[in-house]
C-alpha atoms as a PDB file:
ATOM      1  CA  UNK A   1     -19.116  60.318  76.212  1.00  0.00           C
ATOM      2  CA  UNK A   2     -19.618  57.152  73.728  1.00  0.00           C
ATOM      3  CA  UNK A   3     -21.075  54.645  77.295  1.00  0.00           C
ATOM      4  CA  UNK A   4     -25.328  55.464  75.245  1.00  0.00           C
ATOM      5  CA  UNK A   5     -23.739  54.326  71.525  1.00  0.00           C
ATOM      6  CA  UNK A   6     -21.994  51.672  72.490  1.00  0.00           C
ATOM      7  CA  UNK A   7     -24.432  50.608  74.751  1.00  0.00           C
ATOM      8  CA  UNK A   8     -27.410  50.385  72.347  1.00  0.00           C
ATOM      9  CA  UNK A   9     -25.358  48.935  69.442  1.00  0.00           C
ATOM     10  CA  UNK A  10     -24.522  46.187  71.880  1.00  0.00           C
ATOM     11  CA  UNK A  11     -28.670  45.639  72.035  1.00  0.00           C
ATOM     12  CA  UNK A  12     -29.097  45.963  68.743  1.00  0.00           C
ATOM     13  CA  UNK A  13     -26.818  42.823  68.153  1.00  0.00           C
ATOM     14  CA  UNK A  14     -28.708  40.336  70.688  1.00  0.00           C
ATOM     15  CA  UNK A  15     -26.120  40.809  73.436  1.00  0.00           C
ATOM     16  CA  UNK A  16     -27.183  40.591  76.842  1.00  0.00           C
ATOM     17  CA  UNK A  17     -25.996  42.862  79.426  1.00  0.00           C
ATOM     18  CA  UNK A  18     -26.035  42.314  83.304  1.00  0.00           C
ATOM     19  CA  UNK A  19     -25.428  44.943  85.397  1.00  0.00           C
ATOM     20  CA  UNK A  20     -24.636  44.639  89.714  1.00  0.00           C
ATOM     21  CA  UNK A  21     -23.871  41.428  89.832  1.00  0.00           C
ATOM     22  CA  UNK A  22     -20.838  40.454  91.652  1.00  0.00           C
ATOM     23  CA  UNK A  23     -19.345  36.961  88.910  1.00  0.00           C
ATOM     24  CA  UNK A  24     -18.678  34.544  92.200  1.00  0.00           C
ATOM     25  CA  UNK A  25     -17.432  31.462  90.044  1.00  0.00           C
ATOM     26  CA  UNK A  26     -17.380  30.187  86.169  1.00  0.00           C
ATOM     27  CA  UNK A  27     -17.064  26.515  85.636  1.00  0.00           C
ATOM     28  CA  UNK A  28     -18.334  24.578  83.132  1.00  0.00           C
ATOM     29  CA  UNK A  29     -19.900  26.674  81.115  1.00  0.00           C
ATOM     30  CA  UNK A  30     -21.931  28.586  83.245  1.00  0.00           C
ATOM     31  CA  UNK A  31     -21.164  31.622  85.895  1.00  0.00           C
ATOM     32  CA  UNK A  32     -22.341  32.128  88.992  1.00  0.00           C
ATOM     33  CA  UNK A  33     -23.599  35.653  89.154  1.00  0.00           C
ATOM     34  CA  UNK A  34     -24.332  37.306  92.836  1.00  0.00           C
ATOM     35  CA  UNK A  35     -27.395  39.985  92.929  1.00  0.00           C
ATOM     36  CA  UNK A  36     -24.888  43.028  95.487  1.00  0.00           C
ATOM     37  CA  UNK A  37     -27.930  44.685  96.133  1.00  0.00           C
ATOM     38  CA  UNK A  38     -29.827  41.918  97.105  1.00  0.00           C
ATOM     39  CA  UNK A  39     -27.540  38.206  97.573  1.00  0.00           C
ATOM     40  CA  UNK A  40     -29.433  36.048  95.474  1.00  0.00           C
ATOM     41  CA  UNK A  41     -27.461  33.538  93.762  1.00  0.00           C
ATOM     42  CA  UNK A  42     -28.246  32.738  89.977  1.00  0.00           C
ATOM     43  CA  UNK A  43     -26.223  30.817  87.183  1.00  0.00           C
ATOM     44  CA  UNK A  44     -26.465  31.713  84.101  1.00  0.00           C
ATOM     45  CA  UNK A  45     -24.906  29.449  80.780  1.00  0.00           C
ATOM     46  CA  UNK A  46     -22.100  31.721  78.812  1.00  0.00           C
ATOM     47  CA  UNK A  47     -20.531  30.816  75.344  1.00  0.00           C
ATOM     48  CA  UNK A  48     -17.805  33.901  76.380  1.00  0.00           C
ATOM     49  CA  UNK A  49     -17.068  35.979  78.903  1.00  0.00           C
ATOM     50  CA  UNK A  50     -16.059  39.655  79.625  1.00  0.00           C
ATOM     51  CA  UNK A  51     -14.674  41.166  82.331  1.00  0.00           C
ATOM     52  CA  UNK A  52     -14.833  45.243  82.305  1.00  0.00           C
ATOM     53  CA  UNK A  53     -12.051  45.506  86.225  1.00  0.00           C
ATOM     54  CA  UNK A  54     -11.053  48.355  87.994  1.00  0.00           C
ATOM     55  CA  UNK A  55     -10.135  51.038  85.361  1.00  0.00           C
ATOM     56  CA  UNK A  56      -6.746  51.275  87.353  1.00  0.00           C
ATOM     57  CA  UNK A  57      -3.188  52.741  84.821  1.00  0.00           C
ATOM     58  CA  UNK A  58      -1.039  49.593  84.745  1.00  0.00           C
ATOM     59  CA  UNK A  59       2.132  51.127  83.689  1.00  0.00           C
ATOM     60  CA  UNK A  60       4.106  49.164  84.818  1.00  0.00           C
ATOM     61  CA  UNK A  61       5.602  47.337  81.387  1.00  0.00           C
ATOM     62  CA  UNK A  62       6.216  50.691  80.526  1.00  0.00           C
ATOM     63  CA  UNK A  63       9.092  51.930  83.530  1.00  0.00           C
ATOM     64  CA  UNK A  64      10.259  48.374  83.599  1.00  0.00           C
ATOM     65  CA  UNK A  65      11.095  48.855  79.428  1.00  0.00           C
ATOM     66  CA  UNK A  66      12.030  52.585  80.067  1.00  0.00           C
ATOM     67  CA  UNK A  67       8.859  52.987  77.766  1.00  0.00           C
ATOM     68  CA  UNK A  68       6.638  55.482  77.914  1.00  0.00           C
ATOM     69  CA  UNK A  69       3.541  54.362  78.867  1.00  0.00           C
ATOM     70  CA  UNK A  70       0.180  56.103  76.693  1.00  0.00           C
ATOM     71  CA  UNK A  71      -3.653  55.383  76.825  1.00  0.00           C
ATOM     72  CA  UNK A  72      -5.124  53.736  79.315  1.00  0.00           C
ATOM     73  CA  UNK A  73      -1.777  52.618  80.885  1.00  0.00           C
ATOM     74  CA  UNK A  74      -1.028  56.349  81.448  1.00  0.00           C
ATOM     75  CA  UNK A  75      -4.894  56.761  82.630  1.00  0.00           C
ATOM     76  CA  UNK A  76      -7.900  55.621  81.776  1.00  0.00           C
ATOM     77  CA  UNK A  77     -10.157  57.130  79.986  1.00  0.00           C
ATOM     78  CA  UNK A  78     -12.751  57.182  76.842  1.00  0.00           C
ATOM     79  CA  UNK A  79     -11.043  55.091  73.186  1.00  0.00           C
ATOM     80  CA  UNK A  80     -11.133  58.614  71.968  1.00  0.00           C
ATOM     81  CA  UNK A  81      -8.610  59.580  74.562  1.00  0.00           C
ATOM     82  CA  UNK A  82      -6.645  55.958  74.314  1.00  0.00           C
ATOM     83  CA  UNK A  83      -5.855  57.653  70.172  1.00  0.00           C
ATOM     84  CA  UNK A  84      -5.049  60.778  70.651  1.00  0.00           C
ATOM     85  CA  UNK A  85      -2.036  60.206  73.066  1.00  0.00           C
ATOM     86  CA  UNK A  86      -1.370  58.366  70.834  1.00  0.00           C
ATOM     87  CA  UNK A  87      -1.430  60.468  67.844  1.00  0.00           C
ATOM     88  CA  UNK A  88       0.283  63.244  69.597  1.00  0.00           C
ATOM     89  CA  UNK A  89       3.048  60.806  70.666  1.00  0.00           C
ATOM     90  CA  UNK A  90       3.785  59.608  67.464  1.00  0.00           C
ATOM     91  CA  UNK A  91       3.294  63.056  66.426  1.00  0.00           C
ATOM     92  CA  UNK A  92       6.128  63.602  69.152  1.00  0.00           C
ATOM     93  CA  UNK A  93       8.458  61.139  68.462  1.00  0.00           C
ATOM     94  CA  UNK A  94      10.885  63.063  66.672  1.00  0.00           C
ATOM     95  CA  UNK A  95      11.052  66.140  68.931  1.00  0.00           C
ATOM     96  CA  UNK A  96      11.400  67.560  72.119  1.00  0.00           C
ATOM     97  CA  UNK A  97       9.724  66.177  74.893  1.00  0.00           C
ATOM     98  CA  UNK A  98       7.138  69.094  75.577  1.00  0.00           C
ATOM     99  CA  UNK A  99       7.735  69.213  79.720  1.00  0.00           C
ATOM    100  CA  UNK A 100       5.012  70.663  80.821  1.00  0.00           C
ATOM    101  CA  UNK A 101       4.407  72.780  78.650  1.00  0.00           C
ATOM    102  CA  UNK A 102       0.562  72.781  76.709  1.00  0.00           C
ATOM    103  CA  UNK A 103       0.969  71.906  72.967  1.00  0.00           C
ATOM    104  CA  UNK A 104      -1.611  73.744  71.631  1.00  0.00           C
ATOM    105  CA  UNK A 105      -3.067  77.537  72.108  1.00  0.00           C
ATOM    106  CA  UNK A 106      -6.207  78.599  73.879  1.00  0.00           C
ATOM    107  CA  UNK A 107      -8.483  80.985  72.801  1.00  0.00           C
ATOM    108  CA  UNK A 108      -9.247  82.985  76.281  1.00  0.00           C
ATOM    109  CA  UNK A 109     -13.141  84.983  75.484  1.00  0.00           C
ATOM    110  CA  UNK A 110     -14.295  87.363  78.132  1.00  0.00           C
ATOM    111  CA  UNK A 111     -17.879  87.997  77.838  1.00  0.00           C
ATOM    112  CA  UNK A 112     -19.611  90.647  77.456  1.00  0.00           C
ATOM    113  CA  UNK A 113     -21.081  92.798  81.200  1.00  0.00           C
ATOM    114  CA  UNK A 114     -24.538  93.788  80.081  1.00  0.00           C
ATOM    115  CA  UNK A 115     -25.948  96.417  77.334  1.00  0.00           C
ATOM    116  CA  UNK A 116     -21.872  97.072  77.297  1.00  0.00           C
ATOM    117  CA  UNK A 117     -20.395  97.753  73.492  1.00  0.00           C
ATOM    118  CA  UNK A 118     -18.112  95.047  71.929  1.00  0.00           C
ATOM    119  CA  UNK A 119     -15.664  96.961  70.165  1.00  0.00           C
ATOM    120  CA  UNK A 120     -15.544  94.878  66.126  1.00  0.00           C
END
């Protein structure tokens, strides 16, 4: 959903994206990478490093504090999902917990059979 827009903006900003490589080591301003398909290693000079790791929830701190995990701590997703989680939590903060209830109404539509008259 957001990937195309984010990817384009990174490239336009001059960011070099390296995919299908595993990080072996970081030493003295260089990263040593290995291609996951060929096993060939190469060194990459760097000023900074952003790691995108396993997208697994981590709610340990929330559980320890007796708090509610939101956003990526509850279930990794898009930025929009994390923002929505925070907004929903804020809106429900002073109310009773919704439990499993759906907090919105959903319109259920039914398709008419071909040639069937649909009442207005």
